[in-house]
C-alpha cells in the first residue's frame, strides 16, 4: 500500500455550488501520496453526485456518508478515524487551497522541523472578487518563524491568540492520537435545557486551542496557502444564539487544563486567548443575543480568575498580537 503523506479532511453538507472549486484545488496539489476523505453529511442537494463525479478524477478521493446531518464535528471525526496520512489537514467544501504546492510546502515544513503542528497563512475572499489578506496574521507567522524553527506557548506566549480555525493548521496524526483529541459534538448546556442532545457549534475553538496548548513542537509557514470564503450561508455567518457555544468551548478548555494540573503553567496565555475570543464574538454576535453572551462570558472569566488566583498567576495578559479570525 502506498504511503500516505497527508490526509485532507472535508465535511460536506449542501455544498453543491462551491464543491467543484474545492475539489479542483485539491486535485491540483503537487505533493504525491495525498488522500482526500470527504464525508457527505446528509446533504439534500447535489453534493453527493458532485463527489461521485470527481471520484474518477481524484485517485486519492475517499467518500464516506452520513444518512442524516450530524454536523461538521461528527463529519470530521468520521474522516479522521479513517485517515492514513502522516499528517492531517482540513479543507472546507466551500473553501480552496490557494497554491498548487500548498500541501507540499506544509508537509516538508513539518517533516524538516519534526513538528507536531504547522501553522499556515490564509486569505479571505468573496464571490464578487473581494480579497482580504490578514496582515497581522502573516506578520506574526513571519516573526515566529524568524525567531526559531520550532515554537511553543512557553517560548511564544502570543501563540495563544492564533486563529482558532482548524483549516489554518496541519497536525501530525500520531500527535493527534497521542493526546486523544476530539471534536466535541454535543452541547452540554443546550442539551440540558432542551432535554435531548443538541449539536455543539464552533467546536473548532475547543479543538484548535487544545492543540496550541498541548503542542510543544509548532512550526510556522508564512505563505498564504488557504482561501476562506466569506459571505457563505454557514453557521459562522449567522452569529445568533449558537454563538453562545463559543463560551462553552472555552469552558471545556479550562476544564481540561484545570483537571490535568497544567493551568499554573499556561494560565496567563489562556487568559489572553479567552479575552481575544470574547472580544471578537461580542462584536460579531447579533445585538439581541449580546447581553446573554457577555453575561455567560463574564461567568467564565470569573471562574478562570478564581482558579488563577488559587494558582498564584499574575493576572496579566502577555500577548503581543491580536489576530482576527
Protein backbone atom coordinates (compact mmCIF):
# COMPACT_ATOMS: atom_id res chain seq x y z
CA UNK A 1 0.00 0.00 0.00
CA UNK A 2 1.35 3.45 -0.93
CA UNK A 3 2.42 5.57 2.00
CA UNK A 4 0.04 8.50 2.59
CA UNK A 5 1.75 11.81 3.32
CA UNK A 6 -1.31 13.93 4.20
CA UNK A 7 -4.96 13.06 4.77
CA UNK A 8 -7.18 16.04 3.94
CA UNK A 9 -10.46 16.07 5.86
CA UNK A 10 -13.53 17.60 4.19
CA UNK A 11 -17.02 17.73 5.73
CA UNK A 12 -19.68 18.24 3.05
CA UNK A 13 -23.23 19.47 3.62
CA UNK A 14 -25.25 21.02 0.79
CA UNK A 15 -22.13 22.47 -0.85
CA UNK A 16 -23.01 21.65 -4.46
CA UNK A 17 -22.29 25.20 -5.64
CA UNK A 18 -18.75 25.52 -4.28
CA UNK A 19 -17.62 21.90 -4.02
CA UNK A 20 -16.08 21.66 -7.54
CA UNK A 21 -13.72 24.57 -6.78
CA UNK A 22 -12.60 22.97 -3.53
CA UNK A 23 -12.08 19.59 -5.21
CA UNK A 24 -10.17 21.16 -8.09
CA UNK A 25 -7.82 22.89 -5.65
CA UNK A 26 -7.05 19.52 -4.08
CA UNK A 27 -6.70 17.74 -7.41
CA UNK A 28 -4.00 20.21 -8.50
CA UNK A 29 -1.75 19.56 -5.47
CA UNK A 30 1.85 18.63 -6.35
CA UNK A 31 2.54 16.52 -3.26
CA UNK A 32 2.37 12.78 -4.04
CA UNK A 33 0.64 10.30 -1.77
CA UNK A 34 -2.18 12.55 -0.54
CA UNK A 35 -5.75 11.45 0.16
CA UNK A 36 -8.96 13.42 0.45
CA UNK A 37 -11.56 11.98 2.82
CA UNK A 38 -14.90 13.66 2.09
CA UNK A 39 -17.86 12.98 4.38
CA UNK A 40 -21.23 13.71 2.82
CA UNK A 41 -23.03 14.72 6.00
CA UNK A 42 -26.61 14.07 4.94
CA UNK A 43 -26.68 16.54 2.03
CA UNK A 44 -30.05 17.11 0.38
CA UNK A 45 -28.72 18.86 -2.74
CA UNK A 46 -26.42 17.51 -5.45
CA UNK A 47 -23.27 17.36 -3.33
CA UNK A 48 -23.22 13.57 -3.38
CA UNK A 49 -23.40 13.49 -7.17
CA UNK A 50 -20.56 16.03 -7.41
CA UNK A 51 -18.38 13.85 -5.19
CA UNK A 52 -19.14 10.77 -7.28
CA UNK A 53 -18.27 12.64 -10.46
CA UNK A 54 -14.91 13.68 -9.02
CA UNK A 55 -14.12 10.20 -7.70
CA UNK A 56 -12.84 9.31 -11.18
CA UNK A 57 -10.68 12.44 -11.41
CA UNK A 58 -9.03 12.19 -7.99
CA UNK A 59 -7.42 8.79 -7.30
CA UNK A 60 -6.99 9.64 -3.62
CA UNK A 61 -10.63 10.62 -3.03
CA UNK A 62 -12.49 8.55 -0.45
CA UNK A 63 -16.19 9.25 0.08
CA UNK A 64 -17.94 8.46 3.36
CA UNK A 65 -21.63 9.09 4.02
CA UNK A 66 -23.84 10.04 6.95
CA UNK A 67 -27.50 9.21 6.47
CA UNK A 68 -28.53 12.39 8.30
CA UNK A 69 -26.88 15.73 9.02
CA UNK A 70 -24.79 15.30 12.17
CA UNK A 71 -22.72 18.48 11.83
CA UNK A 72 -19.10 19.24 10.89
CA UNK A 73 -17.70 17.93 14.19
CA UNK A 74 -19.15 14.46 13.60
CA UNK A 75 -18.15 14.53 9.92
CA UNK A 76 -14.55 15.42 10.74
CA UNK A 77 -14.42 12.77 13.45
CA UNK A 78 -15.67 10.15 11.00
CA UNK A 79 -12.99 11.12 8.49
CA UNK A 80 -10.12 11.29 10.99
CA UNK A 81 -10.93 7.78 12.19
CA UNK A 82 -10.25 6.60 8.61
CA UNK A 83 -7.17 8.76 7.97
CA UNK A 84 -3.90 7.07 7.00
CA UNK A 85 -1.68 10.10 6.45
CA UNK A 86 1.41 11.10 8.37
CA UNK A 87 -0.27 14.49 8.78
CA UNK A 88 -3.91 15.58 8.83
CA UNK A 89 -5.08 18.75 7.06
CA UNK A 90 -8.54 20.29 6.70
CA UNK A 91 -10.39 21.77 3.73
CA UNK A 92 -13.96 23.04 3.99
CA UNK A 93 -16.10 22.20 0.99
CA UNK A 94 -16.70 25.88 0.14
CA UNK A 95 -13.06 26.97 0.55
CA UNK A 96 -9.93 26.23 -1.50
CA UNK A 97 -6.18 25.79 -1.41
CA UNK A 98 -4.51 28.93 -2.75
CA UNK A 99 -1.42 27.29 -4.26
CA UNK A 100 -0.77 24.04 -6.13
CA UNK A 101 2.16 23.32 -3.82
CA UNK A 102 0.29 24.14 -0.59
CA UNK A 103 0.34 20.61 0.83
CA UNK A 104 3.88 20.01 -0.39
CA UNK A 105 5.19 23.12 1.37
CA UNK A 106 3.38 22.27 4.60
CA UNK A 107 4.40 18.62 4.57
CA UNK A 108 8.09 19.33 4.02
CA UNK A 109 8.00 22.05 6.68
CA UNK A 110 6.54 19.57 9.16
CA UNK A 111 8.98 16.79 8.27
CA UNK A 112 12.05 19.06 8.27
CA UNK A 113 11.31 20.50 11.72
CA UNK A 114 9.78 17.32 13.22
CA UNK A 115 6.82 19.50 14.19
CA UNK A 116 3.55 18.23 15.59
CA UNK A 117 1.60 21.27 14.32
CA UNK A 118 2.25 23.51 11.29
CA UNK A 119 0.53 26.91 11.23
CA UNK A 120 -0.17 28.48 7.83
CA UNK A 121 -1.16 31.73 6.19
CA UNK A 122 -4.59 32.28 4.68
CA UNK A 123 -6.64 34.84 2.81
CA UNK A 124 -10.33 35.70 2.83
CA UNK A 125 -12.32 36.10 -0.37
CA UNK A 126 -15.85 36.58 -1.66
CA UNK A 127 -17.65 35.51 -4.82
CA UNK A 128 -17.61 39.07 -6.17
CA UNK A 129 -13.80 39.12 -6.32
CA UNK A 130 -13.19 40.84 -2.98
CA UNK A 131 -9.99 39.61 -1.30
CA UNK A 132 -8.57 40.43 2.11
CA UNK A 133 -5.08 39.48 3.31
CA UNK A 134 -4.86 39.36 7.13
CA UNK A 135 -1.63 41.34 7.52
CA UNK A 136 -1.32 41.00 11.30
CA UNK A 137 -1.76 37.27 11.00
CA UNK A 138 1.04 36.99 8.44
CA UNK A 139 3.31 39.35 10.37
CA UNK A 140 3.01 37.13 13.44
CA UNK A 141 3.76 34.00 11.40
CA UNK A 142 6.84 35.68 9.93
CA UNK A 143 8.07 36.79 13.33
CA UNK A 144 7.58 33.41 14.92
CA UNK A 145 9.30 31.60 12.03
CA UNK A 146 12.25 34.03 12.11
CA UNK A 147 12.86 33.57 15.80
CA UNK A 148 13.07 29.75 15.77
CA UNK A 149 12.18 26.76 13.55
CA UNK A 150 10.06 25.40 16.41
CA UNK A 151 8.00 27.37 18.91
CA UNK A 152 5.52 26.66 21.68
CA UNK A 153 3.41 28.63 24.13
CA UNK A 154 6.38 28.55 26.51
CA UNK A 155 8.67 30.36 24.03
CA UNK A 156 5.98 32.40 22.23
CA UNK A 157 3.08 33.14 24.61
CA UNK A 158 1.13 35.05 21.96
CA UNK A 159 0.58 31.82 20.03
CA UNK A 160 -2.50 31.69 22.26
CA UNK A 161 -4.05 34.38 20.07
CA UNK A 162 -3.61 32.44 16.84
CA UNK A 163 -6.64 31.68 14.67
CA UNK A 164 -8.97 29.03 16.10
CA UNK A 165 -9.89 27.73 12.65
CA UNK A 166 -8.96 24.11 12.15
CA UNK A 167 -8.01 24.66 8.50
CA UNK A 168 -5.20 27.09 9.45
CA UNK A 169 -3.11 24.16 10.69
CA UNK A 170 -1.93 20.72 9.72
CA UNK A 171 -1.30 18.22 12.50
CA UNK A 172 0.90 15.14 12.80
CA UNK A 173 -1.60 12.29 13.08
CA UNK A 174 0.40 10.41 15.72
CA UNK A 175 0.29 13.54 17.91
CA UNK A 176 -3.47 13.89 17.40
CA UNK A 177 -3.87 10.30 18.57
CA UNK A 178 -1.38 10.69 21.42
CA UNK A 179 -3.40 13.49 23.04
CA UNK A 180 -6.65 11.70 22.13
CA UNK A 181 -8.07 14.85 20.57
CA UNK A 182 -11.73 15.01 19.64
CA UNK A 183 -14.17 17.40 18.03
CA UNK A 184 -16.92 17.77 20.68
CA UNK A 185 -20.26 17.13 19.02
CA UNK A 186 -22.92 17.77 21.65
CA UNK A 187 -23.63 20.95 23.63
CA UNK A 188 -23.85 20.08 27.30
CA UNK A 189 -25.71 23.27 28.19
CA UNK A 190 -28.33 23.27 25.44
CA UNK A 191 -28.82 19.51 25.75
CA UNK A 192 -29.67 20.01 29.42
CA UNK A 193 -32.09 22.81 28.58
CA UNK A 194 -33.71 21.03 25.63
CA UNK A 195 -33.83 17.61 27.27
CA UNK A 196 -32.22 15.99 24.23
CA UNK A 197 -28.82 16.05 22.51
CA UNK A 198 -28.13 19.34 20.71
CA UNK A 199 -25.29 19.95 18.25
CA UNK A 200 -22.35 21.97 19.51
CA UNK A 201 -21.29 24.79 17.18
CA UNK A 202 -17.85 26.45 16.97
CA UNK A 203 -16.32 23.15 18.08
CA UNK A 204 -13.06 24.02 16.35
CA UNK A 205 -12.49 26.71 19.03
CA UNK A 206 -12.09 23.89 21.56
CA UNK A 207 -10.08 21.62 19.26
CA UNK A 208 -7.60 24.18 17.99
CA UNK A 209 -6.97 25.82 21.37
CA UNK A 210 -6.32 22.35 22.78
CA UNK A 211 -3.79 21.75 20.01
CA UNK A 212 -1.98 25.02 20.73
CA UNK A 213 -1.86 24.37 24.47
CA UNK A 214 -0.76 20.74 24.14
CA UNK A 215 1.83 21.01 21.35
CA UNK A 216 5.46 21.59 22.27
CA UNK A 217 6.70 21.47 18.67
CA UNK A 218 4.92 24.07 16.50
CA UNK A 219 6.34 25.47 13.28
CA UNK A 220 5.07 28.34 11.14
CA UNK A 221 4.70 28.80 7.39
CA UNK A 222 4.11 32.44 6.43
CA UNK A 223 2.89 31.73 2.89
CA UNK A 224 -0.77 32.23 2.02
CA UNK A 225 -1.86 28.69 1.24
CA UNK A 226 -5.56 28.58 2.14
CA UNK A 227 -8.55 30.60 0.97
CA UNK A 228 -11.52 31.10 3.30
CA UNK A 229 -14.77 32.10 1.58
CA UNK A 230 -16.71 34.87 3.32
CA UNK A 231 -20.38 35.59 2.79
CA UNK A 232 -21.35 31.93 2.56
CA UNK A 233 -24.52 30.72 4.32
CA UNK A 234 -22.68 28.87 7.11
CA UNK A 235 -23.30 28.79 10.84
CA UNK A 236 -20.37 31.15 11.43
CA UNK A 237 -22.16 33.82 9.40
CA UNK A 238 -25.40 33.74 11.41
CA UNK A 239 -23.97 34.96 14.73
CA UNK A 240 -27.15 34.09 16.65
CA UNK A 241 -27.87 32.04 19.75
CA UNK A 242 -25.48 29.31 18.61
CA UNK A 243 -22.60 31.76 19.15
CA UNK A 244 -23.04 31.14 22.88
CA UNK A 245 -21.38 27.78 22.20
CA UNK A 246 -18.07 29.65 21.87
CA UNK A 247 -18.17 30.18 25.65
CA UNK A 248 -18.95 26.50 26.27
CA UNK A 249 -15.95 25.51 24.12
CA UNK A 250 -13.68 27.85 26.08
CA UNK A 251 -15.11 26.44 29.31
CA UNK A 252 -14.16 22.93 28.18
CA UNK A 253 -10.57 24.03 27.53
CA UNK A 254 -10.42 25.48 31.04
CA UNK A 255 -11.86 22.24 32.45
CA UNK A 256 -9.19 20.17 30.70
CA UNK A 257 -6.25 22.33 31.80
CA UNK A 258 -7.52 22.55 35.37
CA UNK A 259 -8.17 18.80 35.58
CA UNK A 260 -4.71 17.87 34.27
CA UNK A 261 -2.92 20.36 36.54
CA UNK A 262 -1.49 22.40 33.65
CA UNK A 263 -3.31 25.63 34.42
CA UNK A 264 -0.47 27.16 36.52
CA UNK A 265 1.94 26.76 33.58
CA UNK A 266 -0.32 28.26 30.89
CA UNK A 267 -2.88 30.33 32.78
CA UNK A 268 -1.69 33.73 31.55
CA UNK A 269 -1.72 32.58 27.92
CA UNK A 270 -5.18 31.09 28.45
CA UNK A 271 -6.44 34.42 29.73
CA UNK A 272 -5.12 36.11 26.58
CA UNK A 273 -6.83 33.57 24.35
CA UNK A 274 -10.13 33.93 26.22
CA UNK A 275 -10.04 37.74 26.16
CA UNK A 276 -9.42 37.72 22.43
CA UNK A 277 -12.25 35.30 21.65
CA UNK A 278 -14.65 37.11 23.97
CA UNK A 279 -13.98 40.49 22.38
CA UNK A 280 -14.20 39.02 18.88
CA UNK A 281 -17.56 37.35 19.32
CA UNK A 282 -19.09 40.09 21.45
CA UNK A 283 -18.56 42.34 18.44
CA UNK A 284 -19.91 39.81 15.94
CA UNK A 285 -22.93 38.36 17.73
CA UNK A 286 -26.33 39.81 16.83
CA UNK A 287 -27.47 42.54 19.26
CA UNK A 288 -30.42 40.58 20.67
CA UNK A 289 -28.06 37.86 21.96
CA UNK A 290 -25.19 40.10 23.10
CA UNK A 291 -26.28 40.55 26.71
CA UNK A 292 -26.55 36.79 27.24
CA UNK A 293 -23.17 36.26 25.62
CA UNK A 294 -21.48 38.91 27.78
CA UNK A 295 -23.05 37.52 30.96
CA UNK A 296 -22.03 33.96 30.15
CA UNK A 297 -18.54 35.04 29.15
CA UNK A 298 -18.10 37.02 32.39
CA UNK A 299 -19.01 33.92 34.38
CA UNK A 300 -16.29 32.04 32.52
CA UNK A 301 -13.71 34.76 33.23
CA UNK A 302 -14.68 34.87 36.90
CA UNK A 303 -14.10 31.14 37.09
CA UNK A 304 -10.76 31.48 35.34
CA UNK A 305 -9.71 34.27 37.73
CA UNK A 306 -10.70 32.18 40.75
CA UNK A 307 -8.63 29.23 39.55
CA UNK A 308 -5.80 31.54 38.52
CA UNK A 309 -5.60 33.23 41.92
CA UNK A 310 -5.51 29.84 43.58
CA UNK A 311 -2.54 29.01 41.33
CA UNK A 312 -0.73 32.29 42.03
CA UNK A 313 -0.91 33.64 38.47
CA UNK A 314 -0.14 37.26 37.70
CA UNK A 315 -3.48 38.20 36.16
CA UNK A 316 -1.79 39.93 33.23
CA UNK A 317 -2.12 39.14 29.57
CA UNK A 318 1.31 38.91 27.92
CA UNK A 319 0.02 38.68 24.36
CA UNK A 320 1.65 40.94 21.79
CA UNK A 321 -0.70 40.29 18.90
CA UNK A 322 -4.43 40.37 18.39
CA UNK A 323 -5.48 38.38 15.33
CA UNK A 324 -8.98 38.43 13.91
CA UNK A 325 -10.46 35.21 12.58
